[in-house]
Amino acid sequence: MEASGHPAIEMIRPLLDAVGCSLVSSADAEASDIPLVLAGEVLGAVRLPALHGALDRLIDAVEREVGCSVDDMNREQKQTAIRLLDERGAFILRRAVEDVADAMGVSRITVYNYLNAIHR
């Protein structure tokens, strides 16, 4: 039995979906894919997502964790969201501060202030 339908694959499918990965069969696996091996059997492979869209995936994950969309968050929730995004490396991406500020409906300065408070 390969990939889809195997109990081990079904167990990790929510994780793959949450981080934007895709499952590929071992026949379609490329060198950059991560093989899924159980008891010596290759069940398939995980293909990591493209960097394009990474910030959106990080924001989606933070929204799920905080429990509301970034534009509906109160100040404390936005500070928590900024901390979580920072911990996950979101702000190493080009234009991330501007994009997060736009998504939250705040200024870049506000995001920088939250980041400065976190790093103190």
PDB file of N, CA and C in Angstrom:
ATOM      1  N   MET A   1       0.856  -1.179   0.000  1.00  0.00           N
ATOM      2  CA  MET A   1       0.000   0.000   0.000  1.00  0.00           C
ATOM      3  C   MET A   1       0.895   1.233   0.000  1.00  0.00           C
ATOM      4  N   GLU A   2       0.648   2.140  -0.894  1.00  0.00           N
ATOM      5  CA  GLU A   2       1.482   3.335  -0.975  1.00  0.00           C
ATOM      6  C   GLU A   2       0.688   4.597  -0.682  1.00  0.00           C
ATOM      7  N   ALA A   3       1.314   5.454   0.057  1.00  0.00           N
ATOM      8  CA  ALA A   3       0.837   6.803   0.365  1.00  0.00           C
ATOM      9  C   ALA A   3      -0.615   6.862   0.791  1.00  0.00           C
ATOM     10  N   SER A   4      -1.445   7.398  -0.052  1.00  0.00           N
ATOM     11  CA  SER A   4      -2.822   7.685   0.321  1.00  0.00           C
ATOM     12  C   SER A   4      -3.528   6.440   0.832  1.00  0.00           C
ATOM     13  N   GLY A   5      -4.187   6.586   1.966  1.00  0.00           N
ATOM     14  CA  GLY A   5      -4.937   5.477   2.540  1.00  0.00           C
ATOM     15  C   GLY A   5      -4.206   4.737   3.636  1.00  0.00           C
ATOM     16  N   HIS A   6      -2.898   4.769   3.650  1.00  0.00           N
ATOM     17  CA  HIS A   6      -2.132   4.093   4.706  1.00  0.00           C
ATOM     18  C   HIS A   6      -2.398   4.817   6.032  1.00  0.00           C
ATOM     19  N   PRO A   7      -2.618   4.073   7.116  1.00  0.00           N
ATOM     20  CA  PRO A   7      -2.923   4.712   8.408  1.00  0.00           C
ATOM     21  C   PRO A   7      -1.866   5.727   8.856  1.00  0.00           C
ATOM     22  N   ALA A   8      -0.607   5.465   8.596  1.00  0.00           N
ATOM     23  CA  ALA A   8       0.449   6.407   9.000  1.00  0.00           C
ATOM     24  C   ALA A   8       0.325   7.715   8.216  1.00  0.00           C
ATOM     25  N   ILE A   9      -0.021   7.608   6.954  1.00  0.00           N
ATOM     26  CA  ILE A   9      -0.179   8.802   6.122  1.00  0.00           C
ATOM     27  C   ILE A   9      -1.407   9.589   6.571  1.00  0.00           C
ATOM     28  N   GLU A  10      -2.485   8.897   6.814  1.00  0.00           N
ATOM     29  CA  GLU A  10      -3.706   9.575   7.262  1.00  0.00           C
ATOM     30  C   GLU A  10      -3.485  10.263   8.608  1.00  0.00           C
ATOM     31  N   MET A  11      -2.615   9.704   9.428  1.00  0.00           N
ATOM     32  CA  MET A  11      -2.310  10.304  10.723  1.00  0.00           C
ATOM     33  C   MET A  11      -1.582  11.639  10.560  1.00  0.00           C
ATOM     34  N   ILE A  12      -0.682  11.738   9.583  1.00  0.00           N
ATOM     35  CA  ILE A  12       0.086  12.979   9.433  1.00  0.00           C
ATOM     36  C   ILE A  12      -0.511  13.953   8.424  1.00  0.00           C
ATOM     37  N   ARG A  13      -1.564  13.538   7.726  1.00  0.00           N
ATOM     38  CA  ARG A  13      -2.157  14.399   6.699  1.00  0.00           C
ATOM     39  C   ARG A  13      -2.558  15.781   7.241  1.00  0.00           C
ATOM     40  N   PRO A  14      -3.173  15.899   8.430  1.00  0.00           N
ATOM     41  CA  PRO A  14      -3.488  17.243   8.940  1.00  0.00           C
ATOM     42  C   PRO A  14      -2.247  18.117   9.130  1.00  0.00           C
ATOM     43  N   LEU A  15      -1.145  17.515   9.541  1.00  0.00           N
ATOM     44  CA  LEU A  15       0.102  18.262   9.690  1.00  0.00           C
ATOM     45  C   LEU A  15       0.602  18.736   8.325  1.00  0.00           C
ATOM     46  N   LEU A  16       0.581  17.872   7.349  1.00  0.00           N
ATOM     47  CA  LEU A  16       1.022  18.242   6.001  1.00  0.00           C
ATOM     48  C   LEU A  16       0.179  19.394   5.464  1.00  0.00           C
ATOM     49  N   ASP A  17      -1.132  19.291   5.665  1.00  0.00           N
ATOM     50  CA  ASP A  17      -2.032  20.353   5.196  1.00  0.00           C
ATOM     51  C   ASP A  17      -1.757  21.666   5.916  1.00  0.00           C
ATOM     52  N   ALA A  18      -1.520  21.596   7.223  1.00  0.00           N
ATOM     53  CA  ALA A  18      -1.312  22.806   8.025  1.00  0.00           C
ATOM     54  C   ALA A  18      -0.058  23.567   7.621  1.00  0.00           C
ATOM     55  N   VAL A  19       0.973  22.856   7.209  1.00  0.00           N
ATOM     56  CA  VAL A  19       2.223  23.533   6.849  1.00  0.00           C
ATOM     57  C   VAL A  19       2.393  23.700   5.340  1.00  0.00           C
ATOM     58  N   GLY A  20       1.367  23.317   4.588  1.00  0.00           N
ATOM     59  CA  GLY A  20       1.390  23.558   3.152  1.00  0.00           C
ATOM     60  C   GLY A  20       2.177  22.546   2.344  1.00  0.00           C
ATOM     61  N   CYS A  21       2.490  21.413   2.938  1.00  0.00           N
ATOM     62  CA  CYS A  21       3.224  20.374   2.213  1.00  0.00           C
ATOM     63  C   CYS A  21       2.254  19.534   1.386  1.00  0.00           C
ATOM     64  N   SER A  22       2.798  18.827   0.429  1.00  0.00           N
ATOM     65  CA  SER A  22       1.961  17.909  -0.332  1.00  0.00           C
ATOM     66  C   SER A  22       2.576  16.513  -0.283  1.00  0.00           C
ATOM     67  N   LEU A  23       1.719  15.543  -0.440  1.00  0.00           N
ATOM     68  CA  LEU A  23       2.121  14.149  -0.433  1.00  0.00           C
ATOM     69  C   LEU A  23       2.260  13.687  -1.870  1.00  0.00           C
ATOM     70  N   VAL A  24       3.375  13.028  -2.170  1.00  0.00           N
ATOM     71  CA  VAL A  24       3.582  12.479  -3.508  1.00  0.00           C
ATOM     72  C   VAL A  24       3.919  11.000  -3.378  1.00  0.00           C
ATOM     73  N   SER A  25       3.612  10.256  -4.404  1.00  0.00           N
ATOM     74  CA  SER A  25       3.950   8.829  -4.385  1.00  0.00           C
ATOM     75  C   SER A  25       5.463   8.671  -4.489  1.00  0.00           C
ATOM     76  N   SER A  26       5.957   7.540  -4.060  1.00  0.00           N
ATOM     77  CA  SER A  26       7.404   7.315  -4.145  1.00  0.00           C
ATOM     78  C   SER A  26       7.868   7.319  -5.598  1.00  0.00           C
ATOM     79  N   ALA A  27       7.016   6.906  -6.529  1.00  0.00           N
ATOM     80  CA  ALA A  27       7.369   6.911  -7.950  1.00  0.00           C
ATOM     81  C   ALA A  27       7.538   8.340  -8.477  1.00  0.00           C
ATOM     82  N   ASP A  28       6.786   9.291  -7.890  1.00  0.00           N
ATOM     83  CA  ASP A  28       6.853  10.675  -8.344  1.00  0.00           C
ATOM     84  C   ASP A  28       7.800  11.534  -7.515  1.00  0.00           C
ATOM     85  N   ALA A  29       8.436  10.935  -6.511  1.00  0.00           N
ATOM     86  CA  ALA A  29       9.305  11.689  -5.610  1.00  0.00           C
ATOM     87  C   ALA A  29      10.534  12.209  -6.343  1.00  0.00           C
ATOM     88  N   GLU A  30      10.917  13.423  -5.951  1.00  0.00           N
ATOM     89  CA  GLU A  30      12.123  14.042  -6.480  1.00  0.00           C
ATOM     90  C   GLU A  30      13.188  14.025  -5.396  1.00  0.00           C
ATOM     91  N   ALA A  31      14.407  14.332  -5.760  1.00  0.00           N
ATOM     92  CA  ALA A  31      15.521  14.280  -4.813  1.00  0.00           C
ATOM     93  C   ALA A  31      15.306  15.216  -3.621  1.00  0.00           C
ATOM     94  N   SER A  32      14.596  16.311  -3.829  1.00  0.00           N
ATOM     95  CA  SER A  32      14.382  17.270  -2.745  1.00  0.00           C
ATOM     96  C   SER A  32      13.216  16.891  -1.830  1.00  0.00           C
ATOM     97  N   ASP A  33      12.443  15.870  -2.196  1.00  0.00           N
ATOM     98  CA  ASP A  33      11.324  15.425  -1.370  1.00  0.00           C
ATOM     99  C   ASP A  33      11.828  14.594  -0.196  1.00  0.00           C
ATOM    100  N   ILE A  34      11.029  14.551   0.852  1.00  0.00           N
ATOM    101  CA  ILE A  34      11.395  13.815   2.066  1.00  0.00           C
ATOM    102  C   ILE A  34      10.656  12.478   2.063  1.00  0.00           C
ATOM    103  N   PRO A  35      11.394  11.362   1.979  1.00  0.00           N
ATOM    104  CA  PRO A  35      10.726  10.059   1.943  1.00  0.00           C
ATOM    105  C   PRO A  35      10.082   9.728   3.289  1.00  0.00           C
ATOM    106  N   LEU A  36       8.918   9.096   3.219  1.00  0.00           N
ATOM    107  CA  LEU A  36       8.220   8.619   4.408  1.00  0.00           C
ATOM    108  C   LEU A  36       8.421   7.115   4.476  1.00  0.00           C
ATOM    109  N   VAL A  37       9.233   6.695   5.422  1.00  0.00           N
ATOM    110  CA  VAL A  37       9.619   5.293   5.521  1.00  0.00           C
ATOM    111  C   VAL A  37       9.079   4.722   6.823  1.00  0.00           C
ATOM    112  N   LEU A  38       8.390   3.595   6.727  1.00  0.00           N
ATOM    113  CA  LEU A  38       7.866   2.907   7.897  1.00  0.00           C
ATOM    114  C   LEU A  38       8.250   1.443   7.792  1.00  0.00           C
ATOM    115  N   ALA A  39       8.993   0.960   8.777  1.00  0.00           N
ATOM    116  CA  ALA A  39       9.440  -0.434   8.811  1.00  0.00           C
ATOM    117  C   ALA A  39      10.124  -0.844   7.505  1.00  0.00           C
ATOM    118  N   GLY A  40      10.947   0.065   6.978  1.00  0.00           N
ATOM    119  CA  GLY A  40      11.704  -0.223   5.773  1.00  0.00           C
ATOM    120  C   GLY A  40      10.939  -0.031   4.477  1.00  0.00           C
ATOM    121  N   GLU A  41       9.660   0.269   4.552  1.00  0.00           N
ATOM    122  CA  GLU A  41       8.830   0.465   3.356  1.00  0.00           C
ATOM    123  C   GLU A  41       8.639   1.960   3.105  1.00  0.00           C
ATOM    124  N   VAL A  42       8.903   2.405   1.873  1.00  0.00           N
ATOM    125  CA  VAL A  42       8.681   3.790   1.506  1.00  0.00           C
ATOM    126  C   VAL A  42       7.206   3.944   1.149  1.00  0.00           C
ATOM    127  N   LEU A  43       6.510   4.732   1.964  1.00  0.00           N
ATOM    128  CA  LEU A  43       5.073   4.910   1.763  1.00  0.00           C
ATOM    129  C   LEU A  43       4.753   6.023   0.766  1.00  0.00           C
ATOM    130  N   GLY A  44       5.699   6.905   0.581  1.00  0.00           N
ATOM    131  CA  GLY A  44       5.505   8.065  -0.272  1.00  0.00           C
ATOM    132  C   GLY A  44       6.553   9.087   0.105  1.00  0.00           C
ATOM    133  N   ALA A  45       6.301  10.324  -0.230  1.00  0.00           N
ATOM    134  CA  ALA A  45       7.250  11.382   0.092  1.00  0.00           C
ATOM    135  C   ALA A  45       6.486  12.677   0.341  1.00  0.00           C
ATOM    136  N   VAL A  46       7.121  13.550   1.114  1.00  0.00           N
ATOM    137  CA  VAL A  46       6.562  14.864   1.404  1.00  0.00           C
ATOM    138  C   VAL A  46       7.297  15.883   0.553  1.00  0.00           C
ATOM    139  N   ARG A  47       6.522  16.673  -0.162  1.00  0.00           N
ATOM    140  CA  ARG A  47       7.087  17.768  -0.952  1.00  0.00           C
ATOM    141  C   ARG A  47       6.845  19.063  -0.181  1.00  0.00           C
ATOM    142  N   LEU A  48       7.932  19.733   0.142  1.00  0.00           N
ATOM    143  CA  LEU A  48       7.834  20.988   0.886  1.00  0.00           C
ATOM    144  C   LEU A  48       7.216  22.064   0.013  1.00  0.00           C
ATOM    145  N   PRO A  49       6.506  22.999   0.624  1.00  0.00           N
ATOM    146  CA  PRO A  49       5.867  24.050  -0.164  1.00  0.00           C
ATOM    147  C   PRO A  49       6.883  25.040  -0.704  1.00  0.00           C
ATOM    148  N   ALA A  50       6.499  25.713  -1.758  1.00  0.00           N
ATOM    149  CA  ALA A  50       7.340  26.772  -2.312  1.00  0.00           C
ATOM    150  C   ALA A  50       7.384  27.924  -1.322  1.00  0.00           C
ATOM    151  N   LEU A  51       8.432  28.698  -1.369  1.00  0.00           N
ATOM    152  CA  LEU A  51       8.545  29.845  -0.490  1.00  0.00           C
ATOM    153  C   LEU A  51       7.448  30.862  -0.782  1.00  0.00           C
ATOM    154  N   HIS A  52       7.042  30.946  -2.047  1.00  0.00           N
ATOM    155  CA  HIS A  52       5.947  31.849  -2.413  1.00  0.00           C
ATOM    156  C   HIS A  52       4.704  31.449  -1.611  1.00  0.00           C
ATOM    157  N   GLY A  53       4.138  32.388  -0.900  1.00  0.00           N
ATOM    158  CA  GLY A  53       2.956  32.110  -0.093  1.00  0.00           C
ATOM    159  C   GLY A  53       3.265  31.718   1.342  1.00  0.00           C
ATOM    160  N   ALA A  54       4.555  31.665   1.694  1.00  0.00           N
ATOM    161  CA  ALA A  54       4.934  31.232   3.040  1.00  0.00           C
ATOM    162  C   ALA A  54       4.360  32.149   4.117  1.00  0.00           C
ATOM    163  N   LEU A  55       4.409  33.460   3.886  1.00  0.00           N
ATOM    164  CA  LEU A  55       3.898  34.389   4.892  1.00  0.00           C
ATOM    165  C   LEU A  55       2.396  34.198   5.085  1.00  0.00           C
ATOM    166  N   ASP A  56       1.676  33.986   4.001  1.00  0.00           N
ATOM    167  CA  ASP A  56       0.235  33.741   4.122  1.00  0.00           C
ATOM    168  C   ASP A  56      -0.045  32.480   4.930  1.00  0.00           C
ATOM    169  N   ARG A  57       0.753  31.437   4.711  1.00  0.00           N
ATOM    170  CA  ARG A  57       0.571  30.191   5.483  1.00  0.00           C
ATOM    171  C   ARG A  57       0.881  30.425   6.954  1.00  0.00           C
ATOM    172  N   LEU A  58       1.916  31.213   7.243  1.00  0.00           N
ATOM    173  CA  LEU A  58       2.248  31.520   8.639  1.00  0.00           C
ATOM    174  C   LEU A  58       1.127  32.323   9.301  1.00  0.00           C
ATOM    175  N   ILE A  59       0.598  33.298   8.584  1.00  0.00           N
ATOM    176  CA  ILE A  59      -0.500  34.094   9.130  1.00  0.00           C
ATOM    177  C   ILE A  59      -1.730  33.215   9.367  1.00  0.00           C
ATOM    178  N   ASP A  60      -2.042  32.339   8.429  1.00  0.00           N
ATOM    179  CA  ASP A  60      -3.178  31.423   8.608  1.00  0.00           C
ATOM    180  C   ASP A  60      -3.012  30.566   9.860  1.00  0.00           C
ATOM    181  N   ALA A  61      -1.797  30.052  10.077  1.00  0.00           N
ATOM    182  CA  ALA A  61      -1.536  29.215  11.250  1.00  0.00           C
ATOM    183  C   ALA A  61      -1.702  30.013  12.540  1.00  0.00           C
ATOM    184  N   VAL A  62      -1.224  31.249  12.541  1.00  0.00           N
ATOM    185  CA  VAL A  62      -1.359  32.102  13.724  1.00  0.00           C
ATOM    186  C   VAL A  62      -2.830  32.432  13.976  1.00  0.00           C
ATOM    187  N   GLU A  63      -3.576  32.695  12.915  1.00  0.00           N
ATOM    188  CA  GLU A  63      -5.008  32.959  13.081  1.00  0.00           C
ATOM    189  C   GLU A  63      -5.716  31.764  13.723  1.00  0.00           C
ATOM    190  N   ARG A  64      -5.380  30.549  13.289  1.00  0.00           N
ATOM    191  CA  ARG A  64      -5.979  29.357  13.892  1.00  0.00           C
ATOM    192  C   ARG A  64      -5.601  29.261  15.368  1.00  0.00           C
ATOM    193  N   GLU A  65      -4.344  29.551  15.674  1.00  0.00           N
ATOM    194  CA  GLU A  65      -3.873  29.453  17.054  1.00  0.00           C
ATOM    195  C   GLU A  65      -4.513  30.501  17.964  1.00  0.00           C
ATOM    196  N   VAL A  66      -4.624  31.720  17.475  1.00  0.00           N
ATOM    197  CA  VAL A  66      -5.205  32.807  18.277  1.00  0.00           C
ATOM    198  C   VAL A  66      -6.732  32.690  18.311  1.00  0.00           C
ATOM    199  N   GLY A  67      -7.328  32.171  17.246  1.00  0.00           N
ATOM    200  CA  GLY A  67      -8.766  31.944  17.235  1.00  0.00           C
ATOM    201  C   GLY A  67      -9.586  32.974  16.490  1.00  0.00           C
ATOM    202  N   CYS A  68      -8.924  33.865  15.753  1.00  0.00           N
ATOM    203  CA  CYS A  68      -9.658  34.826  14.916  1.00  0.00           C
ATOM    204  C   CYS A  68      -8.723  35.364  13.847  1.00  0.00           C
ATOM    205  N   SER A  69      -9.323  36.017  12.853  1.00  0.00           N
ATOM    206  CA  SER A  69      -8.506  36.565  11.769  1.00  0.00           C
ATOM    207  C   SER A  69      -7.724  37.779  12.266  1.00  0.00           C
ATOM    208  N   VAL A  70      -6.589  38.046  11.649  1.00  0.00           N
ATOM    209  CA  VAL A  70      -5.721  39.130  12.124  1.00  0.00           C
ATOM    210  C   VAL A  70      -6.411  40.483  12.090  1.00  0.00           C
ATOM    211  N   ASP A  71      -7.293  40.698  11.136  1.00  0.00           N
ATOM    212  CA  ASP A  71      -7.963  41.998  11.073  1.00  0.00           C
ATOM    213  C   ASP A  71      -9.043  42.162  12.147  1.00  0.00           C
ATOM    214  N   ASP A  72      -9.449  41.061  12.793  1.00  0.00           N
ATOM    215  CA  ASP A  72     -10.428  41.115  13.889  1.00  0.00           C
ATOM    216  C   ASP A  72      -9.780  41.054  15.271  1.00  0.00           C
ATOM    217  N   MET A  73      -8.460  40.918  15.342  1.00  0.00           N
ATOM    218  CA  MET A  73      -7.776  40.773  16.633  1.00  0.00           C
ATOM    219  C   MET A  73      -7.749  42.091  17.397  1.00  0.00           C
ATOM    220  N   ASN A  74      -7.832  41.972  18.725  1.00  0.00           N
ATOM    221  CA  ASN A  74      -7.631  43.149  19.565  1.00  0.00           C
ATOM    222  C   ASN A  74      -6.125  43.362  19.729  1.00  0.00           C
ATOM    223  N   ARG A  75      -5.758  44.419  20.440  1.00  0.00           N
ATOM    224  CA  ARG A  75      -4.344  44.776  20.559  1.00  0.00           C
ATOM    225  C   ARG A  75      -3.509  43.638  21.159  1.00  0.00           C
ATOM    226  N   GLU A  76      -3.997  43.041  22.225  1.00  0.00           N
ATOM    227  CA  GLU A  76      -3.255  41.954  22.887  1.00  0.00           C
ATOM    228  C   GLU A  76      -3.090  40.759  21.948  1.00  0.00           C
ATOM    229  N   GLN A  77      -4.144  40.415  21.213  1.00  0.00           N
ATOM    230  CA  GLN A  77      -4.061  39.303  20.264  1.00  0.00           C
ATOM    231  C   GLN A  77      -3.084  39.619  19.132  1.00  0.00           C
ATOM    232  N   LYS A  78      -3.061  40.878  18.684  1.00  0.00           N
ATOM    233  CA  LYS A  78      -2.117  41.261  17.635  1.00  0.00           C
ATOM    234  C   LYS A  78      -0.680  41.156  18.142  1.00  0.00           C
ATOM    235  N   GLN A  79      -0.452  41.539  19.386  1.00  0.00           N
ATOM    236  CA  GLN A  79       0.888  41.409  19.955  1.00  0.00           C
ATOM    237  C   GLN A  79       1.289  39.941  20.035  1.00  0.00           C
ATOM    238  N   THR A  80       0.351  39.091  20.423  1.00  0.00           N
ATOM    239  CA  THR A  80       0.612  37.648  20.456  1.00  0.00           C
ATOM    240  C   THR A  80       0.898  37.132  19.058  1.00  0.00           C
ATOM    241  N   ALA A  81       0.120  37.574  18.090  1.00  0.00           N
ATOM    242  CA  ALA A  81       0.318  37.137  16.702  1.00  0.00           C
ATOM    243  C   ALA A  81       1.694  37.556  16.186  1.00  0.00           C
ATOM    244  N   ILE A  82       2.091  38.777  16.487  1.00  0.00           N
ATOM    245  CA  ILE A  82       3.419  39.257  16.069  1.00  0.00           C
ATOM    246  C   ILE A  82       4.507  38.405  16.710  1.00  0.00           C
ATOM    247  N   ARG A  83       4.347  38.088  17.992  1.00  0.00           N
ATOM    248  CA  ARG A  83       5.335  37.244  18.679  1.00  0.00           C
ATOM    249  C   ARG A  83       5.419  35.874  18.021  1.00  0.00           C
ATOM    250  N   LEU A  84       4.270  35.266  17.731  1.00  0.00           N
ATOM    251  CA  LEU A  84       4.265  33.947  17.092  1.00  0.00           C
ATOM    252  C   LEU A  84       4.891  34.004  15.701  1.00  0.00           C
ATOM    253  N   LEU A  85       4.549  35.021  14.931  1.00  0.00           N
ATOM    254  CA  LEU A  85       5.147  35.165  13.604  1.00  0.00           C
ATOM    255  C   LEU A  85       6.660  35.352  13.700  1.00  0.00           C
ATOM    256  N   ASP A  86       7.097  36.128  14.680  1.00  0.00           N
ATOM    257  CA  ASP A  86       8.523  36.349  14.875  1.00  0.00           C
ATOM    258  C   ASP A  86       9.226  35.047  15.248  1.00  0.00           C
ATOM    259  N   GLU A  87       8.627  34.289  16.160  1.00  0.00           N
ATOM    260  CA  GLU A  87       9.211  33.000  16.573  1.00  0.00           C
ATOM    261  C   GLU A  87       9.327  32.038  15.401  1.00  0.00           C
ATOM    262  N   ARG A  88       8.438  32.150  14.444  1.00  0.00           N
ATOM    263  CA  ARG A  88       8.418  31.243  13.293  1.00  0.00           C
ATOM    264  C   ARG A  88       9.217  31.771  12.116  1.00  0.00           C
ATOM    265  N   GLY A  89       9.902  32.906  12.314  1.00  0.00           N
ATOM    266  CA  GLY A  89      10.801  33.428  11.289  1.00  0.00           C
ATOM    267  C   GLY A  89      10.137  34.228  10.189  1.00  0.00           C
ATOM    268  N   ALA A  90       8.909  34.654  10.393  1.00  0.00           N
ATOM    269  CA  ALA A  90       8.174  35.351   9.342  1.00  0.00           C
ATOM    270  C   ALA A  90       8.858  36.636   8.901  1.00  0.00           C
ATOM    271  N   PHE A  91       9.517  37.314   9.825  1.00  0.00           N
ATOM    272  CA  PHE A  91      10.027  38.640   9.505  1.00  0.00           C
ATOM    273  C   PHE A  91      11.390  38.631   8.815  1.00  0.00           C
ATOM    274  N   ILE A  92      11.893  37.445   8.493  1.00  0.00           N
ATOM    275  CA  ILE A  92      13.089  37.395   7.652  1.00  0.00           C
ATOM    276  C   ILE A  92      12.710  37.503   6.176  1.00  0.00           C
ATOM    277  N   LEU A  93      11.427  37.334   5.893  1.00  0.00           N
ATOM    278  CA  LEU A  93      10.951  37.441   4.509  1.00  0.00           C
ATOM    279  C   LEU A  93      10.859  38.901   4.091  1.00  0.00           C
ATOM    280  N   ARG A  94      11.203  39.158   2.866  1.00  0.00           N
ATOM    281  CA  ARG A  94      11.161  40.514   2.322  1.00  0.00           C
ATOM    282  C   ARG A  94       9.735  41.049   2.377  1.00  0.00           C
ATOM    283  N   ARG A  95       9.577  42.280   2.829  1.00  0.00           N
ATOM    284  CA  ARG A  95       8.309  42.987   2.938  1.00  0.00           C
ATOM    285  C   ARG A  95       7.351  42.387   3.959  1.00  0.00           C
ATOM    286  N   ALA A  96       7.816  41.496   4.815  1.00  0.00           N
ATOM    287  CA  ALA A  96       6.916  40.846   5.769  1.00  0.00           C
ATOM    288  C   ALA A  96       6.292  41.846   6.729  1.00  0.00           C
ATOM    289  N   VAL A  97       7.076  42.808   7.221  1.00  0.00           N
ATOM    290  CA  VAL A  97       6.517  43.787   8.156  1.00  0.00           C
ATOM    291  C   VAL A  97       5.374  44.553   7.490  1.00  0.00           C
ATOM    292  N   GLU A  98       5.588  45.001   6.274  1.00  0.00           N
ATOM    293  CA  GLU A  98       4.564  45.745   5.558  1.00  0.00           C
ATOM    294  C   GLU A  98       3.331  44.885   5.297  1.00  0.00           C
ATOM    295  N   ASP A  99       3.562  43.639   4.887  1.00  0.00           N
ATOM    296  CA  ASP A  99       2.436  42.757   4.571  1.00  0.00           C
ATOM    297  C   ASP A  99       1.639  42.393   5.821  1.00  0.00           C
ATOM    298  N   VAL A 100       2.327  42.138   6.932  1.00  0.00           N
ATOM    299  CA  VAL A 100       1.630  41.835   8.187  1.00  0.00           C
ATOM    300  C   VAL A 100       0.868  43.063   8.662  1.00  0.00           C
ATOM    301  N   ALA A 101       1.479  44.235   8.569  1.00  0.00           N
ATOM    302  CA  ALA A 101       0.800  45.472   8.968  1.00  0.00           C
ATOM    303  C   ALA A 101      -0.474  45.663   8.150  1.00  0.00           C
ATOM    304  N   ASP A 102      -0.386  45.458   6.838  1.00  0.00           N
ATOM    305  CA  ASP A 102      -1.568  45.589   5.979  1.00  0.00           C
ATOM    306  C   ASP A 102      -2.651  44.593   6.375  1.00  0.00           C
ATOM    307  N   ALA A 103      -2.252  43.338   6.630  1.00  0.00           N
ATOM    308  CA  ALA A 103      -3.221  42.304   6.995  1.00  0.00           C
ATOM    309  C   ALA A 103      -3.910  42.629   8.316  1.00  0.00           C
ATOM    310  N   MET A 104      -3.165  43.228   9.252  1.00  0.00           N
ATOM    311  CA  MET A 104      -3.713  43.540  10.575  1.00  0.00           C
ATOM    312  C   MET A 104      -4.430  44.883  10.621  1.00  0.00           C
ATOM    313  N   GLY A 105      -4.244  45.684   9.594  1.00  0.00           N
ATOM    314  CA  GLY A 105      -4.850  47.006   9.604  1.00  0.00           C
ATOM    315  C   GLY A 105      -4.160  47.966  10.558  1.00  0.00           C
ATOM    316  N   VAL A 106      -2.839  47.794  10.698  1.00  0.00           N
ATOM    317  CA  VAL A 106      -2.037  48.691  11.541  1.00  0.00           C
ATOM    318  C   VAL A 106      -0.887  49.246  10.700  1.00  0.00           C
ATOM    319  N   SER A 107      -0.154  50.175  11.281  1.00  0.00           N
ATOM    320  CA  SER A 107       0.987  50.742  10.557  1.00  0.00           C
ATOM    321  C   SER A 107       2.221  49.856  10.713  1.00  0.00           C
ATOM    322  N   ARG A 108       3.180  50.089   9.820  1.00  0.00           N
ATOM    323  CA  ARG A 108       4.472  49.401   9.938  1.00  0.00           C
ATOM    324  C   ARG A 108       5.109  49.730  11.279  1.00  0.00           C
ATOM    325  N   ILE A 109       4.984  50.982  11.692  1.00  0.00           N
ATOM    326  CA  ILE A 109       5.576  51.422  12.958  1.00  0.00           C
ATOM    327  C   ILE A 109       5.014  50.614  14.119  1.00  0.00           C
ATOM    328  N   THR A 110       3.720  50.323  14.078  1.00  0.00           N
ATOM    329  CA  THR A 110       3.104  49.504  15.131  1.00  0.00           C
ATOM    330  C   THR A 110       3.739  48.117  15.171  1.00  0.00           C
ATOM    331  N   VAL A 111       3.908  47.513  14.021  1.00  0.00           N
ATOM    332  CA  VAL A 111       4.532  46.183  13.972  1.00  0.00           C
ATOM    333  C   VAL A 111       5.959  46.265  14.507  1.00  0.00           C
ATOM    334  N   TYR A 112       6.711  47.272  14.073  1.00  0.00           N
ATOM    335  CA  TYR A 112       8.077  47.441  14.579  1.00  0.00           C
ATOM    336  C   TYR A 112       8.081  47.668  16.094  1.00  0.00           C
ATOM    337  N   ASN A 113       7.135  48.432  16.605  1.00  0.00           N
ATOM    338  CA  ASN A 113       7.047  48.653  18.058  1.00  0.00           C
ATOM    339  C   ASN A 113       6.781  47.337  18.789  1.00  0.00           C
ATOM    340  N   TYR A 114       5.873  46.520  18.273  1.00  0.00           N
ATOM    341  CA  TYR A 114       5.602  45.213  18.890  1.00  0.00           C
ATOM    342  C   TYR A 114       6.860  44.342  18.846  1.00  0.00           C
ATOM    343  N   LEU A 115       7.569  44.347  17.722  1.00  0.00           N
ATOM    344  CA  LEU A 115       8.804  43.562  17.609  1.00  0.00           C
ATOM    345  C   LEU A 115       9.868  44.058  18.580  1.00  0.00           C
ATOM    346  N   ASN A 116      10.013  45.379  18.692  1.00  0.00           N
ATOM    347  CA  ASN A 116      10.994  45.944  19.628  1.00  0.00           C
ATOM    348  C   ASN A 116      10.654  45.540  21.050  1.00  0.00           C
ATOM    349  N   ALA A 117       9.382  45.563  21.412  1.00  0.00           N
ATOM    350  CA  ALA A 117       8.977  45.168  22.761  1.00  0.00           C
ATOM    351  C   ALA A 117       9.281  43.698  23.022  1.00  0.00           C
ATOM    352  N   ILE A 118       9.113  42.863  22.025  1.00  0.00           N
ATOM    353  CA  ILE A 118       9.411  41.430  22.156  1.00  0.00           C
ATOM    354  C   ILE A 118      10.912  41.209  22.378  1.00  0.00           C
ATOM    355  N   HIS A 119      11.726  41.955  21.669  1.00  0.00           N
ATOM    356  CA  HIS A 119      13.179  41.728  21.700  1.00  0.00           C
ATOM    357  C   HIS A 119      13.888  42.431  22.841  1.00  0.00           C
ATOM    358  N   ARG A 120      13.156  43.187  23.657  1.00  0.00           N
ATOM    359  CA  ARG A 120      13.770  43.835  24.820  1.00  0.00           C
ATOM    360  C   ARG A 120      13.992  42.853  25.917  1.00  0.00           C
TER     361      ARG A 120
END
